Amino acid sequence: MSNIILIAVCLLVGYLLQFSKSFPKNSYKALNQFVIYISMPALALYYIPKVSLGLDLLFPFSVAWLNFLLAYLFFNFIGKKYNWSNKLIGCLILCAGLGNTSFVGFPVIQALYGDEGLQTAVIVDQPGSFVVLSTVAVLVASKYSVKKGTNESLLAKLFAFPPFIGFLIGLLVNLLQVDFPVPLQEVFKTLGATVSPIALVAVGLQLHVQKKSPYYQFLWLGLFFKLMLFPAFILLLFRVVFQVDGLNIDVSVMEAAMAPMVTASILATNYGLKPKLSNMMIGVGIPLSFITLAFWYVFITYVIN
């Protein structure tokens, strides 16, 4: 519950700071850079060495990867058909293709399914959402932020991206079956814990409530894909096609229905991919997701189980 309150408080604080003359106008850029260069690499260094996978967790592991793949195919197809700009397509892929599977997901799953459900949620998030964010999402952000006709190296950008560097170091430590000294782990954990509050304040600083906006049609399409279309796909794929059920599958569907990831919005903003739209996806998507999550929980628990 405290995480949910923190979301509202941080977004509100960021929004109110827009009207403070003593607060620098473009301070959200510094906050974004802090998240990218310090908080996210620290998270990778803390969690990646601890990840362990088994065949029974293959389904929850695949959720985040399928989310990003389908968002890529879906918004590329529609965007090319209607001649959208690359930055618009890239923004929607990032924000609708990555879910808030930890900061919102963990407390929701724990409240609904207990500690056993939380263990599955960690698999959805760490080798799933976080690794997607640190790898292919960076490549997509780089690709769609580059103007046509330029020849920038996407791989060079990826290997220069601090969270990806942290991921590679964490993966190496994992493969060696060791971990960092406990005091260093605590440092990584503390720095990593700054991701959500700082990122949410940065989103609030850029959030502008407008009665008329050219982005509303894209906002609702992106949120429909993330909150309704993708979880429906996961439910059909796992339950009907593969004919599997149980707690892992229920948690996987609920995690698939989570709101857009805050750090995906930060990544989109950092690469200049429609920052106003990416922040609207968070500002509107998180509150709206509590309604759609309630729908999915009732549907899974009382209709199909």
Protein backbone atom coordinates (compact mmCIF):
# COMPACT_ATOMS: atom_id res chain seq x y z
CA MET A 1 0.00 0.00 0.00
CA SER A 2 2.87 2.37 0.80
CA ASN A 3 4.19 2.01 -2.76
CA ILE A 4 0.82 3.06 -4.17
CA ILE A 5 0.75 6.13 -1.91
CA LEU A 6 4.34 6.95 -2.88
CA ILE A 7 3.36 6.93 -6.58
CA ALA A 8 0.63 9.52 -6.00
CA VAL A 9 2.83 11.66 -3.72
CA CYS A 10 5.84 11.72 -6.09
CA LEU A 11 3.73 12.52 -9.17
CA LEU A 12 1.95 15.29 -7.25
CA VAL A 13 5.21 16.72 -5.88
CA GLY A 14 6.74 16.78 -9.36
CA TYR A 15 3.64 18.44 -10.81
CA LEU A 16 3.54 21.12 -8.09
CA LEU A 17 7.26 21.86 -8.46
CA GLN A 18 6.51 23.09 -11.99
CA PHE A 19 5.02 26.18 -10.36
CA SER A 20 7.93 26.84 -7.99
CA LYS A 21 10.17 29.71 -9.13
CA SER A 22 13.01 28.44 -6.94
CA PHE A 23 13.09 25.08 -8.73
CA PRO A 24 15.07 25.01 -12.03
CA LYS A 25 12.82 24.83 -15.07
CA ASN A 26 14.58 21.89 -16.76
CA SER A 27 15.54 20.06 -13.57
CA TYR A 28 13.73 16.94 -14.79
CA LYS A 29 16.66 16.41 -17.19
CA ALA A 30 19.10 16.11 -14.29
CA LEU A 31 16.74 13.71 -12.50
CA ASN A 32 16.43 11.60 -15.65
CA GLN A 33 20.20 11.42 -15.97
CA PHE A 34 20.54 10.36 -12.33
CA VAL A 35 18.12 7.49 -12.93
CA ILE A 36 19.90 6.42 -16.13
CA TYR A 37 23.50 6.75 -14.91
CA ILE A 38 23.23 5.75 -11.25
CA SER A 39 19.93 4.19 -10.12
CA MET A 40 19.36 1.72 -12.95
CA PRO A 41 22.93 0.35 -13.10
CA ALA A 42 22.79 -0.11 -9.31
CA LEU A 43 19.59 -2.14 -9.68
CA ALA A 44 21.23 -4.38 -12.28
CA LEU A 45 24.28 -4.94 -10.08
CA TYR A 46 22.07 -5.85 -7.13
CA TYR A 47 19.46 -8.11 -8.76
CA ILE A 48 21.02 -9.78 -11.81
CA PRO A 49 23.58 -11.83 -9.81
CA LYS A 50 20.67 -13.26 -7.77
CA VAL A 51 18.47 -14.39 -10.68
CA SER A 52 17.97 -18.14 -11.06
CA LEU A 53 15.75 -19.75 -13.68
CA GLY A 54 13.92 -23.06 -13.92
CA LEU A 55 11.72 -24.59 -16.62
CA ASP A 56 8.65 -24.10 -14.41
CA LEU A 57 9.22 -20.34 -14.59
CA LEU A 58 9.55 -20.19 -18.37
CA PHE A 59 6.04 -18.79 -18.82
CA PRO A 60 6.36 -15.82 -16.42
CA PHE A 61 9.87 -15.19 -17.75
CA SER A 62 8.48 -14.82 -21.29
CA VAL A 63 5.82 -12.21 -20.42
CA ALA A 64 7.99 -9.09 -20.69
CA TRP A 65 9.74 -10.30 -23.83
CA LEU A 66 6.42 -11.06 -25.54
CA ASN A 67 5.06 -7.67 -24.43
CA PHE A 68 7.91 -5.80 -26.08
CA LEU A 69 7.87 -7.96 -29.22
CA LEU A 70 4.14 -7.54 -29.77
CA ALA A 71 4.30 -3.79 -29.09
CA TYR A 72 7.09 -3.52 -31.64
CA LEU A 73 5.08 -5.41 -34.29
CA PHE A 74 1.76 -3.73 -33.46
CA PHE A 75 2.88 -0.10 -33.42
CA ASN A 76 5.28 -0.53 -36.32
CA PHE A 77 2.47 -1.92 -38.46
CA ILE A 78 -0.05 0.80 -37.53
CA GLY A 79 2.56 3.55 -37.59
CA LYS A 80 3.79 2.70 -41.07
CA LYS A 81 0.21 2.32 -42.33
CA TYR A 82 -0.80 5.79 -41.10
CA ASN A 83 2.58 7.42 -41.73
CA TRP A 84 3.40 8.22 -38.09
CA SER A 85 6.78 9.70 -37.24
CA ASN A 86 9.54 7.40 -36.02
CA LYS A 87 9.60 9.20 -32.68
CA LEU A 88 5.90 8.57 -32.13
CA ILE A 89 6.23 4.87 -33.01
CA GLY A 90 9.29 4.53 -30.77
CA CYS A 91 7.53 6.22 -27.86
CA LEU A 92 4.53 3.88 -28.05
CA ILE A 93 6.72 0.78 -28.39
CA LEU A 94 8.67 1.69 -25.25
CA CYS A 95 5.75 2.83 -23.10
CA ALA A 96 3.24 0.15 -24.16
CA GLY A 97 5.89 -2.56 -24.48
CA LEU A 98 7.20 -2.40 -20.91
CA GLY A 99 5.08 -2.86 -17.79
CA ASN A 100 5.48 -1.57 -14.25
CA THR A 101 6.02 -5.12 -13.02
CA SER A 102 7.94 -4.19 -9.86
CA PHE A 103 7.08 -0.84 -8.28
CA VAL A 104 3.35 -1.25 -8.91
CA GLY A 105 3.40 -4.97 -9.67
CA PHE A 106 5.07 -6.30 -6.52
CA PRO A 107 2.72 -4.75 -3.93
CA VAL A 108 -0.36 -5.60 -6.01
CA ILE A 109 0.70 -9.23 -6.54
CA GLN A 110 1.69 -9.66 -2.88
CA ALA A 111 -1.65 -8.27 -1.75
CA LEU A 112 -3.58 -10.60 -4.08
CA TYR A 113 -1.46 -13.77 -4.08
CA GLY A 114 0.89 -13.55 -1.10
CA ASP A 115 4.61 -14.31 -0.98
CA GLU A 116 4.28 -17.29 -3.32
CA GLY A 117 2.84 -15.06 -6.01
CA LEU A 118 5.54 -12.48 -5.37
CA GLN A 119 8.23 -15.05 -6.21
CA THR A 120 6.69 -15.46 -9.67
CA ALA A 121 6.41 -11.67 -10.05
CA VAL A 122 10.15 -11.33 -9.44
CA ILE A 123 10.81 -13.66 -12.39
CA VAL A 124 8.52 -11.59 -14.62
CA ASP A 125 10.39 -8.45 -13.58
CA GLN A 126 14.10 -9.20 -13.19
CA PRO A 127 15.11 -11.49 -16.11
CA GLY A 128 12.08 -10.15 -17.96
CA SER A 129 11.16 -6.46 -17.75
CA PHE A 130 14.46 -5.21 -16.40
CA VAL A 131 16.61 -7.08 -18.92
CA VAL A 132 14.35 -5.98 -21.81
CA LEU A 133 14.68 -2.37 -20.62
CA SER A 134 18.47 -2.64 -20.36
CA THR A 135 19.01 -4.29 -23.75
CA VAL A 136 16.52 -4.32 -26.65
CA ALA A 137 14.60 -1.27 -25.40
CA VAL A 138 17.81 0.78 -25.65
CA LEU A 139 18.35 -0.45 -29.21
CA VAL A 140 14.78 0.52 -30.15
CA ALA A 141 15.12 3.93 -28.46
CA SER A 142 18.36 4.53 -30.36
CA LYS A 143 16.88 3.38 -33.66
CA TYR A 144 13.77 5.57 -33.52
CA SER A 145 15.56 8.65 -32.22
CA VAL A 146 18.02 8.70 -35.13
CA LYS A 147 17.09 10.93 -38.06
CA LYS A 148 16.85 9.31 -41.45
CA GLY A 149 20.08 9.42 -43.35
CA THR A 150 22.41 9.30 -40.33
CA ASN A 151 24.68 6.34 -39.64
CA GLU A 152 24.97 6.19 -35.89
CA SER A 153 25.94 2.82 -34.45
CA LEU A 154 23.09 1.34 -32.41
CA LEU A 155 25.39 -1.24 -30.83
CA ALA A 156 27.82 1.48 -29.81
CA LYS A 157 24.99 3.29 -28.03
CA LEU A 158 23.92 0.07 -26.35
CA PHE A 159 27.39 -0.70 -25.00
CA ALA A 160 27.72 2.89 -23.79
CA PHE A 161 24.38 2.74 -21.94
CA PRO A 162 25.10 2.55 -18.17
CA PRO A 163 22.25 0.13 -17.26
CA PHE A 164 23.43 -2.27 -19.98
CA ILE A 165 26.98 -2.10 -18.64
CA GLY A 166 25.59 -2.86 -15.19
CA PHE A 167 23.60 -5.74 -16.66
CA LEU A 168 26.70 -7.26 -18.31
CA ILE A 169 28.71 -7.03 -15.08
CA GLY A 170 25.81 -8.52 -13.10
CA LEU A 171 25.43 -11.33 -15.65
CA LEU A 172 29.14 -12.14 -15.44
CA VAL A 173 28.94 -12.30 -11.66
CA ASN A 174 25.87 -14.54 -11.97
CA LEU A 175 27.61 -16.93 -14.38
CA LEU A 176 30.58 -17.15 -12.02
CA GLN A 177 28.07 -18.11 -9.30
CA VAL A 178 29.31 -15.49 -6.88
CA ASP A 179 27.98 -12.17 -5.66
CA PHE A 180 29.35 -8.84 -4.53
CA PRO A 181 30.36 -8.36 -0.87
CA VAL A 182 27.34 -7.72 1.35
CA PRO A 183 28.22 -4.06 2.13
CA LEU A 184 28.49 -3.37 -1.61
CA GLN A 185 25.17 -5.13 -2.23
CA GLU A 186 23.55 -2.82 0.32
CA VAL A 187 24.97 0.20 -1.50
CA PHE A 188 23.57 -1.06 -4.82
CA LYS A 189 20.20 -1.78 -3.21
CA THR A 190 19.97 1.69 -1.65
CA LEU A 191 20.93 3.45 -4.89
CA GLY A 192 18.58 1.25 -6.89
CA ALA A 193 15.70 2.13 -4.57
CA THR A 194 15.90 5.72 -5.83
CA VAL A 195 14.68 4.73 -9.30
CA SER A 196 10.95 4.98 -8.73
CA PRO A 197 10.67 8.11 -6.54
CA ILE A 198 13.11 10.16 -8.62
CA ALA A 199 11.66 8.94 -11.91
CA LEU A 200 8.11 9.69 -10.76
CA VAL A 201 9.03 13.21 -9.64
CA ALA A 202 10.69 13.74 -13.05
CA VAL A 203 7.50 12.55 -14.76
CA GLY A 204 5.43 14.92 -12.60
CA LEU A 205 7.69 17.82 -13.56
CA GLN A 206 6.85 17.19 -17.22
CA LEU A 207 3.17 16.37 -16.78
CA HIS A 208 0.85 18.96 -18.28
CA VAL A 209 -2.91 18.61 -18.02
CA GLN A 210 -4.44 19.78 -21.29
CA LYS A 211 -8.08 19.65 -22.31
CA LYS A 212 -7.01 19.47 -25.93
CA SER A 213 -3.89 17.61 -26.95
CA PRO A 214 -2.78 16.05 -30.26
CA TYR A 215 -1.59 13.03 -28.27
CA TYR A 216 -4.88 11.82 -26.75
CA GLN A 217 -5.72 9.39 -29.55
CA PHE A 218 -2.25 7.83 -29.27
CA LEU A 219 -2.49 7.80 -25.47
CA TRP A 220 -5.71 5.78 -25.48
CA LEU A 221 -4.43 3.41 -28.15
CA GLY A 222 -1.21 2.80 -26.22
CA LEU A 223 -3.07 2.23 -22.94
CA PHE A 224 -5.64 -0.04 -24.59
CA PHE A 225 -2.82 -2.19 -25.93
CA LYS A 226 -0.98 -2.28 -22.58
CA LEU A 227 -3.88 -2.66 -20.15
CA MET A 228 -6.33 -4.78 -22.15
CA LEU A 229 -5.05 -6.22 -25.42
CA PHE A 230 -1.74 -7.66 -24.21
CA PRO A 231 -3.04 -9.35 -21.02
CA ALA A 232 -5.84 -10.87 -23.12
CA PHE A 233 -3.19 -12.24 -25.50
CA ILE A 234 -1.19 -13.76 -22.60
CA LEU A 235 -4.32 -15.31 -21.13
CA LEU A 236 -5.29 -16.91 -24.45
CA LEU A 237 -1.72 -18.02 -25.22
CA PHE A 238 -1.05 -19.67 -21.86
CA ARG A 239 -4.53 -20.99 -21.02
CA VAL A 240 -5.91 -21.93 -24.45
CA VAL A 241 -2.91 -22.59 -26.70
CA PHE A 242 -0.51 -24.14 -24.16
CA GLN A 243 -3.30 -25.28 -21.81
CA VAL A 244 -1.47 -24.49 -18.59
CA ASP A 245 -2.89 -22.98 -15.44
CA GLY A 246 -2.05 -22.41 -11.80
CA LEU A 247 -0.65 -19.57 -9.71
CA ASN A 248 2.28 -18.87 -12.06
CA ILE A 249 -0.10 -18.31 -14.95
CA ASP A 250 -2.53 -16.14 -12.97
CA VAL A 251 0.33 -13.93 -11.76
CA SER A 252 1.73 -13.77 -15.29
CA VAL A 253 -1.56 -12.44 -16.65
CA MET A 254 -1.84 -9.86 -13.85
CA GLU A 255 1.74 -8.71 -14.45
CA ALA A 256 0.99 -8.46 -18.16
CA ALA A 257 -1.83 -6.04 -17.25
CA MET A 258 0.35 -3.64 -15.25
CA ALA A 259 0.60 0.04 -16.20
CA PRO A 260 3.47 1.33 -18.37
CA MET A 261 6.91 1.28 -16.76
CA VAL A 262 8.09 4.60 -15.30
CA THR A 263 11.70 4.08 -16.40
CA ALA A 264 10.54 3.30 -19.95
CA SER A 265 9.05 6.80 -20.00
CA ILE A 266 12.37 8.18 -18.71
CA LEU A 267 14.20 6.29 -21.48
CA ALA A 268 11.83 7.66 -24.12
CA THR A 269 12.29 11.19 -22.78
CA ASN A 270 16.06 10.79 -22.68
CA TYR A 271 16.06 9.88 -26.38
CA GLY A 272 13.61 12.62 -27.37
CA LEU A 273 10.77 10.22 -28.22
CA LYS A 274 7.67 12.36 -27.65
CA PRO A 275 8.30 13.23 -23.97
CA LYS A 276 4.82 14.73 -23.48
CA LEU A 277 3.12 11.54 -24.66
CA SER A 278 5.46 9.27 -22.68
CA ASN A 279 4.67 11.19 -19.49
CA MET A 280 0.94 11.11 -20.21
CA MET A 281 1.21 7.32 -20.52
CA ILE A 282 2.47 7.22 -16.92
CA GLY A 283 0.30 9.97 -15.45
CA VAL A 284 -2.92 8.51 -16.87
CA GLY A 285 -1.88 4.86 -17.16
CA ILE A 286 -1.03 4.17 -13.52
CA PRO A 287 -4.33 5.40 -12.02
CA LEU A 288 -6.35 3.79 -14.82
CA SER A 289 -4.54 0.47 -14.35
CA PHE A 290 -6.05 -0.03 -10.88
CA ILE A 291 -9.47 -0.25 -12.53
CA THR A 292 -8.34 -2.61 -15.29
CA LEU A 293 -6.34 -4.74 -12.82
CA ALA A 294 -9.50 -5.20 -10.75
CA PHE A 295 -11.29 -6.37 -13.91
CA TRP A 296 -8.58 -8.90 -14.76
CA TYR A 297 -8.42 -10.24 -11.20
CA VAL A 298 -12.18 -10.80 -11.04
CA PHE A 299 -12.17 -12.33 -14.53
CA ILE A 300 -9.31 -14.72 -13.74
CA THR A 301 -10.50 -15.68 -10.26
CA TYR A 302 -14.25 -15.94 -10.65
CA VAL A 303 -14.95 -16.42 -14.35
CA ILE A 304 -12.35 -18.79 -15.78
CA ASN A 305 -10.97 -20.52 -12.66
